[in-house]
Amino acid sequence: MPPPKLSTWPEVIKVLLDGVESALQQKQTAKQALHEAACPAEPLVKNG
């Protein structure tokens, strides 16, 4: 599946990967990491 056509896609991926890394390193629970990643990612997706 090709990536979405968003100009902000690289930033969205970075935010999400930072959240995954945080959860994998057990710095946060998966739920916390997802929530913290969603906050900055949502406007990037809406405005992308």
C-alpha atoms as a PDB file:
ATOM      1  CA  MET A   1       0.000   0.000   0.000  1.00  0.00           C
ATOM      2  CA  PRO A   2       1.498   3.386  -0.968  1.00  0.00           C
ATOM      3  CA  PRO A   3       1.819   6.040   1.732  1.00  0.00           C
ATOM      4  CA  PRO A   4      -0.869   8.724   1.899  1.00  0.00           C
ATOM      5  CA  LYS A   5      -0.329  11.840  -0.189  1.00  0.00           C
ATOM      6  CA  LEU A   6       0.379  14.195   2.679  1.00  0.00           C
ATOM      7  CA  SER A   7       3.112  16.819   2.583  1.00  0.00           C
ATOM      8  CA  THR A   8       3.521  16.257   6.325  1.00  0.00           C
ATOM      9  CA  TRP A   9       3.839  12.458   6.057  1.00  0.00           C
ATOM     10  CA  PRO A  10       7.544  12.354   7.112  1.00  0.00           C
ATOM     11  CA  GLU A  11       6.716  14.306  10.274  1.00  0.00           C
ATOM     12  CA  VAL A  12       3.751  12.033  11.038  1.00  0.00           C
ATOM     13  CA  ILE A  13       5.941   8.941  10.695  1.00  0.00           C
ATOM     14  CA  LYS A  14       8.598  10.434  13.005  1.00  0.00           C
ATOM     15  CA  VAL A  15       6.037  11.238  15.705  1.00  0.00           C
ATOM     16  CA  LEU A  16       4.555   7.741  15.510  1.00  0.00           C
ATOM     17  CA  LEU A  17       7.942   6.012  15.511  1.00  0.00           C
ATOM     18  CA  ASP A  18       9.021   8.054  18.537  1.00  0.00           C
ATOM     19  CA  GLY A  19       5.920   6.772  20.334  1.00  0.00           C
ATOM     20  CA  VAL A  20       6.611   3.169  19.356  1.00  0.00           C
ATOM     21  CA  GLU A  21      10.207   3.487  20.526  1.00  0.00           C
ATOM     22  CA  SER A  22       9.096   4.936  23.854  1.00  0.00           C
ATOM     23  CA  ALA A  23       6.737   2.019  24.415  1.00  0.00           C
ATOM     24  CA  LEU A  24       9.316  -0.577  23.370  1.00  0.00           C
ATOM     25  CA  GLN A  25      11.852   0.919  25.772  1.00  0.00           C
ATOM     26  CA  GLN A  26       9.162   0.764  28.469  1.00  0.00           C
ATOM     27  CA  LYS A  27       9.423   4.481  29.124  1.00  0.00           C
ATOM     28  CA  GLN A  28       5.623   4.609  28.706  1.00  0.00           C
ATOM     29  CA  THR A  29       2.810   2.152  28.399  1.00  0.00           C
ATOM     30  CA  ALA A  30       1.601   1.513  24.868  1.00  0.00           C
ATOM     31  CA  LYS A  31      -1.579   3.459  25.648  1.00  0.00           C
ATOM     32  CA  GLN A  32       0.372   6.465  26.944  1.00  0.00           C
ATOM     33  CA  ALA A  33       2.739   6.426  23.965  1.00  0.00           C
ATOM     34  CA  LEU A  34      -0.166   6.238  21.514  1.00  0.00           C
ATOM     35  CA  HIS A  35      -1.958   9.123  23.193  1.00  0.00           C
ATOM     36  CA  GLU A  36       1.159  11.296  23.255  1.00  0.00           C
ATOM     37  CA  ALA A  37       1.891  10.518  19.612  1.00  0.00           C
ATOM     38  CA  ALA A  38      -1.693  11.192  18.532  1.00  0.00           C
ATOM     39  CA  CYS A  39      -1.723  14.730  19.937  1.00  0.00           C
ATOM     40  CA  PRO A  40       0.994  16.130  17.636  1.00  0.00           C
ATOM     41  CA  ALA A  41       0.196  13.775  14.746  1.00  0.00           C
ATOM     42  CA  GLU A  42      -3.478  14.708  14.386  1.00  0.00           C
ATOM     43  CA  PRO A  43      -2.972  18.306  13.213  1.00  0.00           C
ATOM     44  CA  LEU A  44      -0.206  17.142  10.843  1.00  0.00           C
ATOM     45  CA  VAL A  45      -2.649  14.730   9.219  1.00  0.00           C
ATOM     46  CA  LYS A  46      -5.509  17.249   9.114  1.00  0.00           C
ATOM     47  CA  ASN A  47      -3.354  20.016   7.631  1.00  0.00           C
ATOM     48  CA  GLY A  48      -1.208  17.746   5.425  1.00  0.00           C
END
